[in-house]
Amino acid sequence: MGTGSSTDARTGAGGESEALRELTEALGAPAPPGLAAVPPEELGVLTRALHARRETRAAGLNDAAEEALKLVPALARGPVRRILFR
């Protein structure tokens, strides 16, 4: 048994943990180098928080767009909605 067996199980081929890869995907950019030292459980919390925040923001933007469509005359709302939200 090696002393780092649990670490080896969480670490992929490039020395990067699965949790760090998931965070990097969620960010859409390389994660800051210091995050490599953060435990995988905490990276998971950060990744879930990032996803939740993006979902909240998207819902808010959809609500705002629907509210803005109320300013468009009723007959034009359908075509405007199709143009904006293809």
N, C-alpha and C. Protein backbone atom coordinates (compact mmCIF):
# COMPACT_ATOMS: atom_id res chain seq x y z
N MET A 1 0.82 -1.18 0.00
CA MET A 1 0.00 0.00 0.00
C MET A 1 0.86 1.24 0.00
N GLY A 2 0.54 2.17 -0.91
CA GLY A 2 1.28 3.42 -0.94
C GLY A 2 0.67 4.42 0.02
N THR A 3 1.44 5.37 0.43
CA THR A 3 0.95 6.36 1.38
C THR A 3 -0.01 7.34 0.73
N GLY A 4 0.06 7.49 -0.58
CA GLY A 4 -0.81 8.45 -1.25
C GLY A 4 -1.89 7.77 -2.07
N SER A 5 -2.34 6.59 -1.69
CA SER A 5 -3.29 5.85 -2.52
C SER A 5 -4.61 6.56 -2.69
N SER A 6 -5.13 7.25 -1.64
CA SER A 6 -6.40 7.96 -1.81
C SER A 6 -6.21 9.16 -2.73
N THR A 7 -5.07 9.81 -2.64
CA THR A 7 -4.78 10.93 -3.53
C THR A 7 -4.63 10.43 -4.96
N ASP A 8 -3.97 9.27 -5.14
CA ASP A 8 -3.79 8.73 -6.47
C ASP A 8 -5.13 8.39 -7.12
N ALA A 9 -6.09 7.94 -6.34
CA ALA A 9 -7.40 7.58 -6.88
C ALA A 9 -8.16 8.81 -7.35
N ARG A 10 -7.91 9.97 -6.74
CA ARG A 10 -8.61 11.20 -7.13
C ARG A 10 -7.88 11.94 -8.23
N THR A 11 -6.65 11.60 -8.50
CA THR A 11 -5.82 12.33 -9.44
C THR A 11 -5.78 11.62 -10.78
N GLY A 12 -5.96 12.40 -11.84
CA GLY A 12 -5.94 11.84 -13.18
C GLY A 12 -4.55 11.80 -13.75
N ALA A 13 -4.47 11.57 -15.05
CA ALA A 13 -3.19 11.38 -15.73
C ALA A 13 -2.29 12.62 -15.63
N GLY A 14 -2.87 13.81 -15.70
CA GLY A 14 -2.06 15.01 -15.68
C GLY A 14 -1.79 15.54 -14.29
N GLY A 15 -2.10 14.76 -13.24
CA GLY A 15 -1.91 15.23 -11.89
C GLY A 15 -3.04 16.13 -11.43
N GLU A 16 -4.08 16.23 -12.21
CA GLU A 16 -5.20 17.10 -11.90
C GLU A 16 -6.36 16.26 -11.38
N SER A 17 -6.97 16.67 -10.29
CA SER A 17 -8.07 15.89 -9.72
C SER A 17 -9.31 16.03 -10.59
N GLU A 18 -10.19 15.06 -10.46
CA GLU A 18 -11.48 15.07 -11.18
C GLU A 18 -12.27 16.33 -10.80
N ALA A 19 -12.25 16.69 -9.51
CA ALA A 19 -12.97 17.87 -9.05
C ALA A 19 -12.42 19.14 -9.69
N LEU A 20 -11.12 19.22 -9.84
CA LEU A 20 -10.51 20.40 -10.47
C LEU A 20 -10.86 20.45 -11.95
N ARG A 21 -10.89 19.28 -12.61
CA ARG A 21 -11.30 19.25 -14.03
C ARG A 21 -12.75 19.71 -14.18
N GLU A 22 -13.63 19.27 -13.28
CA GLU A 22 -15.04 19.69 -13.34
C GLU A 22 -15.17 21.19 -13.13
N LEU A 23 -14.41 21.75 -12.20
CA LEU A 23 -14.44 23.19 -11.96
C LEU A 23 -13.92 23.94 -13.19
N THR A 24 -12.85 23.44 -13.79
CA THR A 24 -12.30 24.07 -14.98
C THR A 24 -13.34 24.08 -16.10
N GLU A 25 -14.06 22.97 -16.27
CA GLU A 25 -15.14 22.92 -17.27
C GLU A 25 -16.21 23.95 -16.96
N ALA A 26 -16.61 24.03 -15.70
CA ALA A 26 -17.66 24.97 -15.29
C ALA A 26 -17.22 26.42 -15.51
N LEU A 27 -15.95 26.69 -15.26
CA LEU A 27 -15.43 28.05 -15.46
C LEU A 27 -15.31 28.39 -16.93
N GLY A 28 -15.06 27.39 -17.76
CA GLY A 28 -14.83 27.64 -19.18
C GLY A 28 -13.44 28.22 -19.43
N ALA A 29 -12.57 28.09 -18.45
CA ALA A 29 -11.21 28.61 -18.53
C ALA A 29 -10.37 27.84 -17.52
N PRO A 30 -9.07 27.91 -17.66
CA PRO A 30 -8.23 27.22 -16.66
C PRO A 30 -8.47 27.77 -15.26
N ALA A 31 -8.53 26.87 -14.30
CA ALA A 31 -8.69 27.28 -12.90
C ALA A 31 -7.40 27.92 -12.42
N PRO A 32 -7.51 28.88 -11.52
CA PRO A 32 -6.30 29.48 -10.96
C PRO A 32 -5.42 28.41 -10.32
N PRO A 33 -4.12 28.50 -10.45
CA PRO A 33 -3.21 27.46 -9.97
C PRO A 33 -3.36 27.13 -8.49
N GLY A 34 -3.69 28.08 -7.66
CA GLY A 34 -3.82 27.84 -6.23
C GLY A 34 -4.94 26.87 -5.87
N LEU A 35 -5.90 26.69 -6.76
CA LEU A 35 -7.01 25.79 -6.47
C LEU A 35 -6.60 24.33 -6.48
N ALA A 36 -5.44 24.02 -7.01
CA ALA A 36 -4.97 22.64 -7.01
C ALA A 36 -4.74 22.14 -5.58
N ALA A 37 -4.52 23.05 -4.64
CA ALA A 37 -4.28 22.67 -3.26
C ALA A 37 -5.57 22.53 -2.44
N VAL A 38 -6.70 22.93 -3.03
CA VAL A 38 -7.98 22.86 -2.32
C VAL A 38 -8.50 21.42 -2.34
N PRO A 39 -9.03 20.93 -1.23
CA PRO A 39 -9.56 19.56 -1.20
C PRO A 39 -10.69 19.37 -2.22
N PRO A 40 -10.78 18.18 -2.83
CA PRO A 40 -11.80 17.92 -3.86
C PRO A 40 -13.22 18.19 -3.38
N GLU A 41 -13.52 17.93 -2.11
CA GLU A 41 -14.87 18.16 -1.60
C GLU A 41 -15.23 19.64 -1.68
N GLU A 42 -14.27 20.50 -1.35
CA GLU A 42 -14.51 21.95 -1.40
C GLU A 42 -14.58 22.44 -2.84
N LEU A 43 -13.81 21.85 -3.73
CA LEU A 43 -13.92 22.20 -5.16
C LEU A 43 -15.30 21.84 -5.67
N GLY A 44 -15.84 20.72 -5.21
CA GLY A 44 -17.19 20.30 -5.60
C GLY A 44 -18.23 21.31 -5.14
N VAL A 45 -18.07 21.81 -3.92
CA VAL A 45 -18.99 22.84 -3.40
C VAL A 45 -18.91 24.09 -4.27
N LEU A 46 -17.70 24.49 -4.62
CA LEU A 46 -17.51 25.67 -5.47
C LEU A 46 -18.12 25.47 -6.85
N THR A 47 -17.94 24.29 -7.42
CA THR A 47 -18.50 23.99 -8.75
C THR A 47 -20.03 24.03 -8.71
N ARG A 48 -20.62 23.42 -7.68
CA ARG A 48 -22.09 23.42 -7.56
C ARG A 48 -22.62 24.84 -7.36
N ALA A 49 -21.91 25.65 -6.57
CA ALA A 49 -22.32 27.03 -6.35
C ALA A 49 -22.26 27.83 -7.65
N LEU A 50 -21.23 27.59 -8.45
CA LEU A 50 -21.10 28.27 -9.73
C LEU A 50 -22.25 27.91 -10.66
N HIS A 51 -22.58 26.61 -10.74
CA HIS A 51 -23.71 26.18 -11.57
C HIS A 51 -25.02 26.80 -11.09
N ALA A 52 -25.23 26.81 -9.78
CA ALA A 52 -26.46 27.38 -9.22
C ALA A 52 -26.57 28.87 -9.53
N ARG A 53 -25.48 29.58 -9.41
CA ARG A 53 -25.48 31.02 -9.68
C ARG A 53 -25.78 31.29 -11.15
N ARG A 54 -25.22 30.49 -12.03
CA ARG A 54 -25.49 30.68 -13.46
C ARG A 54 -26.94 30.39 -13.79
N GLU A 55 -27.53 29.37 -13.16
CA GLU A 55 -28.93 29.06 -13.38
C GLU A 55 -29.82 30.20 -12.89
N THR A 56 -29.49 30.75 -11.73
CA THR A 56 -30.25 31.87 -11.18
C THR A 56 -30.16 33.09 -12.10
N ARG A 57 -28.96 33.35 -12.58
CA ARG A 57 -28.77 34.51 -13.47
C ARG A 57 -29.54 34.32 -14.77
N ALA A 58 -29.50 33.11 -15.34
CA ALA A 58 -30.22 32.84 -16.58
C ALA A 58 -31.72 33.00 -16.39
N ALA A 59 -32.23 32.53 -15.25
CA ALA A 59 -33.66 32.68 -14.97
C ALA A 59 -34.02 34.15 -14.85
N GLY A 60 -33.17 34.93 -14.20
CA GLY A 60 -33.41 36.36 -14.06
C GLY A 60 -33.40 37.07 -15.41
N LEU A 61 -32.48 36.67 -16.28
CA LEU A 61 -32.44 37.27 -17.62
C LEU A 61 -33.69 36.91 -18.43
N ASN A 62 -34.15 35.68 -18.31
CA ASN A 62 -35.37 35.28 -19.00
C ASN A 62 -36.57 36.07 -18.50
N ASP A 63 -36.66 36.23 -17.18
CA ASP A 63 -37.75 37.02 -16.60
C ASP A 63 -37.70 38.46 -17.09
N ALA A 64 -36.52 39.03 -17.14
CA ALA A 64 -36.37 40.41 -17.60
C ALA A 64 -36.75 40.55 -19.07
N ALA A 65 -36.38 39.57 -19.89
CA ALA A 65 -36.73 39.61 -21.31
C ALA A 65 -38.25 39.51 -21.49
N GLU A 66 -38.88 38.63 -20.73
CA GLU A 66 -40.34 38.50 -20.81
C GLU A 66 -41.02 39.79 -20.37
N GLU A 67 -40.49 40.41 -19.33
CA GLU A 67 -41.05 41.67 -18.85
C GLU A 67 -40.87 42.76 -19.91
N ALA A 68 -39.73 42.78 -20.58
CA ALA A 68 -39.48 43.78 -21.62
C ALA A 68 -40.41 43.58 -22.82
N LEU A 69 -40.78 42.33 -23.09
CA LEU A 69 -41.69 42.07 -24.20
C LEU A 69 -43.07 42.68 -23.97
N LYS A 70 -43.41 42.96 -22.74
CA LYS A 70 -44.70 43.60 -22.44
C LYS A 70 -44.75 45.02 -23.00
N LEU A 71 -43.59 45.59 -23.29
CA LEU A 71 -43.53 46.93 -23.88
C LEU A 71 -43.79 46.90 -25.38
N VAL A 72 -43.69 45.72 -25.99
CA VAL A 72 -43.92 45.55 -27.42
C VAL A 72 -45.43 45.40 -27.64
N PRO A 73 -45.97 46.04 -28.66
CA PRO A 73 -47.41 45.88 -28.93
C PRO A 73 -47.78 44.39 -29.06
N ALA A 74 -48.95 44.05 -28.57
CA ALA A 74 -49.40 42.66 -28.49
C ALA A 74 -49.28 41.92 -29.82
N LEU A 75 -49.64 42.54 -30.93
CA LEU A 75 -49.58 41.87 -32.24
C LEU A 75 -48.15 41.56 -32.68
N ALA A 76 -47.20 42.32 -32.21
CA ALA A 76 -45.81 42.12 -32.62
C ALA A 76 -45.03 41.20 -31.66
N ARG A 77 -45.60 40.86 -30.52
CA ARG A 77 -44.84 40.08 -29.51
C ARG A 77 -44.40 38.72 -30.03
N GLY A 78 -45.28 38.01 -30.73
CA GLY A 78 -44.91 36.69 -31.25
C GLY A 78 -43.69 36.75 -32.16
N PRO A 79 -43.76 37.58 -33.22
CA PRO A 79 -42.60 37.68 -34.11
C PRO A 79 -41.34 38.17 -33.40
N VAL A 80 -41.47 39.14 -32.51
CA VAL A 80 -40.30 39.65 -31.79
C VAL A 80 -39.71 38.56 -30.91
N ARG A 81 -40.56 37.79 -30.23
CA ARG A 81 -40.09 36.69 -29.38
C ARG A 81 -39.33 35.67 -30.22
N ARG A 82 -39.86 35.33 -31.40
CA ARG A 82 -39.18 34.35 -32.26
C ARG A 82 -37.83 34.89 -32.75
N ILE A 83 -37.76 36.17 -33.05
CA ILE A 83 -36.50 36.75 -33.51
C ILE A 83 -35.47 36.75 -32.37
N LEU A 84 -35.89 37.11 -31.18
CA LEU A 84 -34.95 37.23 -30.05
C LEU A 84 -34.54 35.89 -29.46
N PHE A 85 -35.45 34.90 -29.47
CA PHE A 85 -35.22 33.65 -28.75
C PHE A 85 -35.18 32.44 -29.65
N ARG A 86 -34.61 32.56 -30.81
CA ARG A 86 -34.55 31.42 -31.74
C ARG A 86 -34.02 30.20 -31.10
